[in-house]
Amino acid sequence: TWKASLHVCDGRSPTTEELPSCYTGDDWS
């Protein structure tokens, strides 16, 4: 997973609306 990646841009991380997850569990295995 890339959960440790903060994807910080202009001093903040994206919201869940801006960057939704592709999976609902702990990972996408």
PDB file of all heavy atoms in Angstrom:
ATOM      1  N   THR A   1       0.855  -1.192   0.000  1.00  0.00           N
ATOM      2  CA  THR A   1       0.000   0.000   0.000  1.00  0.00           C
ATOM      3  C   THR A   1       0.888   1.238   0.000  1.00  0.00           C
ATOM      4  O   THR A   1       2.088   1.160   0.259  1.00  0.00           O
ATOM      5  CB  THR A   1      -0.905   0.048   1.238  1.00  0.00           C
ATOM      6  OG1 THR A   1      -0.084   0.244   2.407  1.00  0.00           O
ATOM      7  CG2 THR A   1      -1.703  -1.232   1.391  1.00  0.00           C
ATOM      8  N   TRP A   2       0.271   2.373  -0.283  1.00  0.00           N
ATOM      9  CA  TRP A   2       1.006   3.637  -0.249  1.00  0.00           C
ATOM     10  C   TRP A   2       0.470   4.517   0.881  1.00  0.00           C
ATOM     11  O   TRP A   2       0.443   5.733   0.769  1.00  0.00           O
ATOM     12  CB  TRP A   2       0.872   4.362  -1.597  1.00  0.00           C
ATOM     13  CG  TRP A   2       1.139   3.472  -2.774  1.00  0.00           C
ATOM     14  CD1 TRP A   2       0.270   3.173  -3.786  1.00  0.00           C
ATOM     15  CD2 TRP A   2       2.339   2.765  -3.074  1.00  0.00           C
ATOM     16  NE1 TRP A   2       0.849   2.314  -4.681  1.00  0.00           N
ATOM     17  CE2 TRP A   2       2.128   2.037  -4.270  1.00  0.00           C
ATOM     18  CE3 TRP A   2       3.584   2.645  -2.445  1.00  0.00           C
ATOM     19  CZ2 TRP A   2       3.085   1.224  -4.843  1.00  0.00           C
ATOM     20  CZ3 TRP A   2       4.551   1.820  -3.026  1.00  0.00           C
ATOM     21  CH2 TRP A   2       4.293   1.137  -4.202  1.00  0.00           C
ATOM     22  N   LYS A   3       0.035   3.878   1.973  1.00  0.00           N
ATOM     23  CA  LYS A   3      -0.568   4.634   3.075  1.00  0.00           C
ATOM     24  C   LYS A   3       0.416   5.585   3.735  1.00  0.00           C
ATOM     25  O   LYS A   3       0.014   6.603   4.302  1.00  0.00           O
ATOM     26  CB  LYS A   3      -1.135   3.669   4.116  1.00  0.00           C
ATOM     27  CG  LYS A   3      -2.358   2.894   3.617  1.00  0.00           C
ATOM     28  CD  LYS A   3      -2.898   1.962   4.683  1.00  0.00           C
ATOM     29  CE  LYS A   3      -4.126   1.217   4.191  1.00  0.00           C
ATOM     30  NZ  LYS A   3      -4.674   0.288   5.201  1.00  0.00           N
ATOM     31  N   ALA A   4       1.680   5.258   3.675  1.00  0.00           N
ATOM     32  CA  ALA A   4       2.681   6.132   4.284  1.00  0.00           C
ATOM     33  C   ALA A   4       2.957   7.363   3.423  1.00  0.00           C
ATOM     34  O   ALA A   4       3.574   8.317   3.891  1.00  0.00           O
ATOM     35  CB  ALA A   4       3.976   5.362   4.513  1.00  0.00           C
ATOM     36  N   SER A   5       2.508   7.338   2.184  1.00  0.00           N
ATOM     37  CA  SER A   5       2.717   8.482   1.297  1.00  0.00           C
ATOM     38  C   SER A   5       1.668   9.552   1.598  1.00  0.00           C
ATOM     39  O   SER A   5       0.463   9.303   1.459  1.00  0.00           O
ATOM     40  CB  SER A   5       2.600   8.038  -0.168  1.00  0.00           C
ATOM     41  OG  SER A   5       3.553   7.034  -0.456  1.00  0.00           O
ATOM     42  N   LEU A   6       2.116  10.713   2.004  1.00  0.00           N
ATOM     43  CA  LEU A   6       1.203  11.776   2.408  1.00  0.00           C
ATOM     44  C   LEU A   6       0.647  12.561   1.221  1.00  0.00           C
ATOM     45  O   LEU A   6      -0.359  13.244   1.355  1.00  0.00           O
ATOM     46  CB  LEU A   6       1.917  12.730   3.365  1.00  0.00           C
ATOM     47  CG  LEU A   6       2.461  12.100   4.652  1.00  0.00           C
ATOM     48  CD1 LEU A   6       3.189  13.151   5.492  1.00  0.00           C
ATOM     49  CD2 LEU A   6       1.344  11.456   5.459  1.00  0.00           C
ATOM     50  N   HIS A   7       1.336  12.484   0.086  1.00  0.00           N
ATOM     51  CA  HIS A   7       0.918  13.215  -1.114  1.00  0.00           C
ATOM     52  C   HIS A   7       0.718  14.706  -0.827  1.00  0.00           C
ATOM     53  O   HIS A   7      -0.242  15.333  -1.303  1.00  0.00           O
ATOM     54  CB  HIS A   7      -0.376  12.623  -1.691  1.00  0.00           C
ATOM     55  CG  HIS A   7      -0.254  11.170  -2.042  1.00  0.00           C
ATOM     56  ND1 HIS A   7      -0.905  10.187  -1.344  1.00  0.00           N
ATOM     57  CD2 HIS A   7       0.446  10.544  -3.014  1.00  0.00           C
ATOM     58  CE1 HIS A   7      -0.608   9.000  -1.853  1.00  0.00           C
ATOM     59  NE2 HIS A   7       0.209   9.193  -2.863  1.00  0.00           N
ATOM     60  N   VAL A   8       1.611  15.254  -0.037  1.00  0.00           N
ATOM     61  CA  VAL A   8       1.500  16.655   0.353  1.00  0.00           C
ATOM     62  C   VAL A   8       1.758  17.556  -0.846  1.00  0.00           C
ATOM     63  O   VAL A   8       2.721  17.375  -1.594  1.00  0.00           O
ATOM     64  CB  VAL A   8       2.495  16.989   1.483  1.00  0.00           C
ATOM     65  CG1 VAL A   8       2.485  18.488   1.777  1.00  0.00           C
ATOM     66  CG2 VAL A   8       2.147  16.198   2.730  1.00  0.00           C
ATOM     67  N   CYS A   9       0.876  18.512  -1.047  1.00  0.00           N
ATOM     68  CA  CYS A   9       1.015  19.484  -2.138  1.00  0.00           C
ATOM     69  C   CYS A   9       0.523  20.832  -1.640  1.00  0.00           C
ATOM     70  O   CYS A   9      -0.571  20.914  -1.056  1.00  0.00           O
ATOM     71  CB  CYS A   9       0.204  19.017  -3.352  1.00  0.00           C
ATOM     72  SG  CYS A   9       0.232  20.176  -4.744  1.00  0.00           S
ATOM     73  N   ASP A  10       1.324  21.863  -1.847  1.00  0.00           N
ATOM     74  CA  ASP A  10       1.008  23.200  -1.318  1.00  0.00           C
ATOM     75  C   ASP A  10       0.758  23.170   0.186  1.00  0.00           C
ATOM     76  O   ASP A  10      -0.125  23.862   0.706  1.00  0.00           O
ATOM     77  CB  ASP A  10      -0.217  23.790  -2.040  1.00  0.00           C
ATOM     78  CG  ASP A  10       0.189  24.513  -3.321  1.00  0.00           C
ATOM     79  OD1 ASP A  10       1.399  24.684  -3.543  1.00  0.00           O
ATOM     80  OD2 ASP A  10      -0.704  24.897  -4.095  1.00  0.00           O
ATOM     81  N   GLY A  11       1.505  22.350   0.877  1.00  0.00           N
ATOM     82  CA  GLY A  11       1.457  22.327   2.330  1.00  0.00           C
ATOM     83  C   GLY A  11       0.369  21.481   2.949  1.00  0.00           C
ATOM     84  O   GLY A  11       0.199  21.494   4.173  1.00  0.00           O
ATOM     85  N   ARG A  12      -0.394  20.714   2.160  1.00  0.00           N
ATOM     86  CA  ARG A  12      -1.440  19.878   2.758  1.00  0.00           C
ATOM     87  C   ARG A  12      -1.618  18.601   1.958  1.00  0.00           C
ATOM     88  O   ARG A  12      -1.273  18.524   0.773  1.00  0.00           O
ATOM     89  CB  ARG A  12      -2.766  20.638   2.809  1.00  0.00           C
ATOM     90  CG  ARG A  12      -3.402  20.890   1.446  1.00  0.00           C
ATOM     91  CD  ARG A  12      -4.775  21.542   1.578  1.00  0.00           C
ATOM     92  NE  ARG A  12      -5.422  21.693   0.260  1.00  0.00           N
ATOM     93  CZ  ARG A  12      -6.152  20.746  -0.309  1.00  0.00           C
ATOM     94  NH1 ARG A  12      -6.326  19.571   0.296  1.00  0.00           N
ATOM     95  NH2 ARG A  12      -6.715  20.952  -1.498  1.00  0.00           N
ATOM     96  N   SER A  13      -2.187  17.596   2.630  1.00  0.00           N
ATOM     97  CA  SER A  13      -2.511  16.340   1.964  1.00  0.00           C
ATOM     98  C   SER A  13      -3.886  16.442   1.322  1.00  0.00           C
ATOM     99  O   SER A  13      -4.730  17.230   1.773  1.00  0.00           O
ATOM    100  CB  SER A  13      -2.497  15.184   2.978  1.00  0.00           C
ATOM    101  OG  SER A  13      -1.210  15.017   3.524  1.00  0.00           O
ATOM    102  N   PRO A  14      -4.160  15.674   0.284  1.00  0.00           N
ATOM    103  CA  PRO A  14      -5.477  15.740  -0.354  1.00  0.00           C
ATOM    104  C   PRO A  14      -6.575  15.177   0.546  1.00  0.00           C
ATOM    105  O   PRO A  14      -6.331  14.299   1.381  1.00  0.00           O
ATOM    106  CB  PRO A  14      -5.299  14.885  -1.618  1.00  0.00           C
ATOM    107  CG  PRO A  14      -4.185  13.952  -1.270  1.00  0.00           C
ATOM    108  CD  PRO A  14      -3.267  14.720  -0.383  1.00  0.00           C
ATOM    109  N   THR A  15      -7.774  15.679   0.371  1.00  0.00           N
ATOM    110  CA  THR A  15      -8.914  15.149   1.117  1.00  0.00           C
ATOM    111  C   THR A  15      -9.369  13.842   0.475  1.00  0.00           C
ATOM    112  O   THR A  15      -8.971  13.509  -0.642  1.00  0.00           O
ATOM    113  CB  THR A  15     -10.076  16.159   1.092  1.00  0.00           C
ATOM    114  OG1 THR A  15     -10.523  16.321  -0.264  1.00  0.00           O
ATOM    115  CG2 THR A  15      -9.636  17.511   1.642  1.00  0.00           C
ATOM    116  N   THR A  16     -10.224  13.110   1.193  1.00  0.00           N
ATOM    117  CA  THR A  16     -10.740  11.858   0.631  1.00  0.00           C
ATOM    118  C   THR A  16     -11.626  12.116  -0.580  1.00  0.00           C
ATOM    119  O   THR A  16     -11.765  11.250  -1.445  1.00  0.00           O
ATOM    120  CB  THR A  16     -11.547  11.097   1.701  1.00  0.00           C
ATOM    121  OG1 THR A  16     -12.566  11.962   2.237  1.00  0.00           O
ATOM    122  CG2 THR A  16     -10.634  10.620   2.822  1.00  0.00           C
ATOM    123  N   GLU A  17     -12.213  13.295  -0.661  1.00  0.00           N
ATOM    124  CA  GLU A  17     -13.002  13.644  -1.844  1.00  0.00           C
ATOM    125  C   GLU A  17     -12.100  13.898  -3.043  1.00  0.00           C
ATOM    126  O   GLU A  17     -12.442  13.556  -4.175  1.00  0.00           O
ATOM    127  CB  GLU A  17     -13.863  14.888  -1.578  1.00  0.00           C
ATOM    128  CG  GLU A  17     -15.022  14.664  -0.619  1.00  0.00           C
ATOM    129  CD  GLU A  17     -14.570  14.592   0.831  1.00  0.00           C
ATOM    130  OE1 GLU A  17     -13.445  15.088   1.126  1.00  0.00           O
ATOM    131  OE2 GLU A  17     -15.319  14.046   1.671  1.00  0.00           O
ATOM    132  N   GLU A  18     -10.945  14.511  -2.797  1.00  0.00           N
ATOM    133  CA  GLU A  18     -10.007  14.787  -3.880  1.00  0.00           C
ATOM    134  C   GLU A  18      -9.285  13.525  -4.334  1.00  0.00           C
ATOM    135  O   GLU A  18      -8.963  13.377  -5.514  1.00  0.00           O
ATOM    136  CB  GLU A  18      -8.985  15.835  -3.435  1.00  0.00           C
ATOM    137  CG  GLU A  18      -9.570  17.216  -3.226  1.00  0.00           C
ATOM    138  CD  GLU A  18      -8.549  18.177  -2.645  1.00  0.00           C
ATOM    139  OE1 GLU A  18      -7.617  17.717  -1.934  1.00  0.00           O
ATOM    140  OE2 GLU A  18      -8.675  19.391  -2.883  1.00  0.00           O
ATOM    141  N   LEU A  19      -9.011  12.639  -3.402  1.00  0.00           N
ATOM    142  CA  LEU A  19      -8.286  11.416  -3.731  1.00  0.00           C
ATOM    143  C   LEU A  19      -8.933  10.222  -3.039  1.00  0.00           C
ATOM    144  O   LEU A  19      -8.458   9.748  -2.003  1.00  0.00           O
ATOM    145  CB  LEU A  19      -6.813  11.549  -3.301  1.00  0.00           C
ATOM    146  CG  LEU A  19      -5.868  10.436  -3.771  1.00  0.00           C
ATOM    147  CD1 LEU A  19      -5.838  10.359  -5.285  1.00  0.00           C
ATOM    148  CD2 LEU A  19      -4.459  10.685  -3.229  1.00  0.00           C
ATOM    149  N   PRO A  20     -10.020   9.697  -3.586  1.00  0.00           N
ATOM    150  CA  PRO A  20     -10.680   8.531  -2.991  1.00  0.00           C
ATOM    151  C   PRO A  20      -9.797   7.296  -3.087  1.00  0.00           C
ATOM    152  O   PRO A  20      -8.903   7.205  -3.926  1.00  0.00           O
ATOM    153  CB  PRO A  20     -11.952   8.372  -3.844  1.00  0.00           C
ATOM    154  CG  PRO A  20     -12.106   9.666  -4.569  1.00  0.00           C
ATOM    155  CD  PRO A  20     -10.732  10.201  -4.759  1.00  0.00           C
ATOM    156  N   SER A  21     -10.056   6.332  -2.217  1.00  0.00           N
ATOM    157  CA  SER A  21      -9.296   5.081  -2.212  1.00  0.00           C
ATOM    158  C   SER A  21      -9.903   4.098  -3.204  1.00  0.00           C
ATOM    159  O   SER A  21     -11.108   4.099  -3.451  1.00  0.00           O
ATOM    160  CB  SER A  21      -9.291   4.473  -0.810  1.00  0.00           C
ATOM    161  OG  SER A  21      -8.617   3.230  -0.816  1.00  0.00           O
ATOM    162  N   CYS A  22      -9.056   3.255  -3.752  1.00  0.00           N
ATOM    163  CA  CYS A  22      -9.524   2.231  -4.691  1.00  0.00           C
ATOM    164  C   CYS A  22     -10.027   0.983  -3.969  1.00  0.00           C
ATOM    165  O   CYS A  22     -10.588   0.092  -4.604  1.00  0.00           O
ATOM    166  CB  CYS A  22      -8.392   1.848  -5.649  1.00  0.00           C
ATOM    167  SG  CYS A  22      -8.041   3.087  -6.916  1.00  0.00           S
ATOM    168  N   TYR A  23      -9.820   0.895  -2.656  1.00  0.00           N
ATOM    169  CA  TYR A  23     -10.235  -0.295  -1.914  1.00  0.00           C
ATOM    170  C   TYR A  23     -10.734   0.123  -0.536  1.00  0.00           C
ATOM    171  O   TYR A  23     -10.456   1.228  -0.064  1.00  0.00           O
ATOM    172  CB  TYR A  23      -9.083  -1.298  -1.793  1.00  0.00           C
ATOM    173  CG  TYR A  23      -7.825  -0.734  -1.171  1.00  0.00           C
ATOM    174  CD1 TYR A  23      -7.603  -0.818   0.206  1.00  0.00           C
ATOM    175  CD2 TYR A  23      -6.856  -0.105  -1.957  1.00  0.00           C
ATOM    176  CE1 TYR A  23      -6.467  -0.280   0.782  1.00  0.00           C
ATOM    177  CE2 TYR A  23      -5.713   0.428  -1.387  1.00  0.00           C
ATOM    178  CZ  TYR A  23      -5.519   0.338  -0.031  1.00  0.00           C
ATOM    179  OH  TYR A  23      -4.390   0.869   0.544  1.00  0.00           O
ATOM    180  N   THR A  24     -11.461  -0.766   0.103  1.00  0.00           N
ATOM    181  CA  THR A  24     -12.082  -0.452   1.400  1.00  0.00           C
ATOM    182  C   THR A  24     -11.393  -1.142   2.568  1.00  0.00           C
ATOM    183  O   THR A  24     -11.512  -0.695   3.699  1.00  0.00           O
ATOM    184  CB  THR A  24     -13.561  -0.865   1.384  1.00  0.00           C
ATOM    185  OG1 THR A  24     -13.658  -2.256   1.036  1.00  0.00           O
ATOM    186  CG2 THR A  24     -14.335  -0.030   0.361  1.00  0.00           C
ATOM    187  N   GLY A  25     -10.694  -2.224   2.329  1.00  0.00           N
ATOM    188  CA  GLY A  25     -10.041  -2.956   3.418  1.00  0.00           C
ATOM    189  C   GLY A  25      -8.702  -2.361   3.789  1.00  0.00           C
ATOM    190  O   GLY A  25      -8.401  -1.193   3.512  1.00  0.00           O
ATOM    191  N   ASP A  26      -7.869  -3.204   4.435  1.00  0.00           N
ATOM    192  CA  ASP A  26      -6.538  -2.762   4.833  1.00  0.00           C
ATOM    193  C   ASP A  26      -5.614  -2.583   3.638  1.00  0.00           C
ATOM    194  O   ASP A  26      -4.700  -1.758   3.667  1.00  0.00           O
ATOM    195  CB  ASP A  26      -5.918  -3.767   5.819  1.00  0.00           C
ATOM    196  CG  ASP A  26      -6.667  -3.794   7.141  1.00  0.00           C
ATOM    197  OD1 ASP A  26      -7.282  -2.756   7.487  1.00  0.00           O
ATOM    198  OD2 ASP A  26      -6.667  -4.854   7.805  1.00  0.00           O
ATOM    199  N   ASP A  27      -5.804  -3.375   2.618  1.00  0.00           N
ATOM    200  CA  ASP A  27      -4.990  -3.256   1.418  1.00  0.00           C
ATOM    201  C   ASP A  27      -5.796  -3.768   0.226  1.00  0.00           C
ATOM    202  O   ASP A  27      -6.968  -4.118   0.355  1.00  0.00           O
ATOM    203  CB  ASP A  27      -3.656  -4.007   1.566  1.00  0.00           C
ATOM    204  CG  ASP A  27      -3.859  -5.481   1.915  1.00  0.00           C
ATOM    205  OD1 ASP A  27      -4.736  -6.125   1.294  1.00  0.00           O
ATOM    206  OD2 ASP A  27      -3.151  -5.993   2.801  1.00  0.00           O
ATOM    207  N   TRP A  28      -5.138  -3.813  -0.907  1.00  0.00           N
ATOM    208  CA  TRP A  28      -5.800  -4.211  -2.149  1.00  0.00           C
ATOM    209  C   TRP A  28      -5.238  -5.539  -2.645  1.00  0.00           C
ATOM    210  O   TRP A  28      -5.199  -5.789  -3.846  1.00  0.00           O
ATOM    211  CB  TRP A  28      -5.608  -3.113  -3.189  1.00  0.00           C
ATOM    212  CG  TRP A  28      -6.685  -3.044  -4.236  1.00  0.00           C
ATOM    213  CD1 TRP A  28      -7.854  -3.729  -4.268  1.00  0.00           C
ATOM    214  CD2 TRP A  28      -6.665  -2.220  -5.400  1.00  0.00           C
ATOM    215  NE1 TRP A  28      -8.580  -3.389  -5.372  1.00  0.00           N
ATOM    216  CE2 TRP A  28      -7.869  -2.451  -6.093  1.00  0.00           C
ATOM    217  CE3 TRP A  28      -5.760  -1.296  -5.934  1.00  0.00           C
ATOM    218  CZ2 TRP A  28      -8.182  -1.810  -7.286  1.00  0.00           C
ATOM    219  CZ3 TRP A  28      -6.072  -0.656  -7.110  1.00  0.00           C
ATOM    220  CH2 TRP A  28      -7.275  -0.899  -7.781  1.00  0.00           C
ATOM    221  N   SER A  29      -4.764  -6.347  -1.735  1.00  0.00           N
ATOM    222  CA  SER A  29      -4.123  -7.608  -2.113  1.00  0.00           C
ATOM    223  C   SER A  29      -5.110  -8.516  -2.832  1.00  0.00           C
ATOM    224  O   SER A  29      -6.297  -8.567  -2.510  1.00  0.00           O
ATOM    225  CB  SER A  29      -3.569  -8.317  -0.876  1.00  0.00           C
ATOM    226  OG  SER A  29      -4.603  -8.589   0.049  1.00  0.00           O
TER     227      SER A  29
END
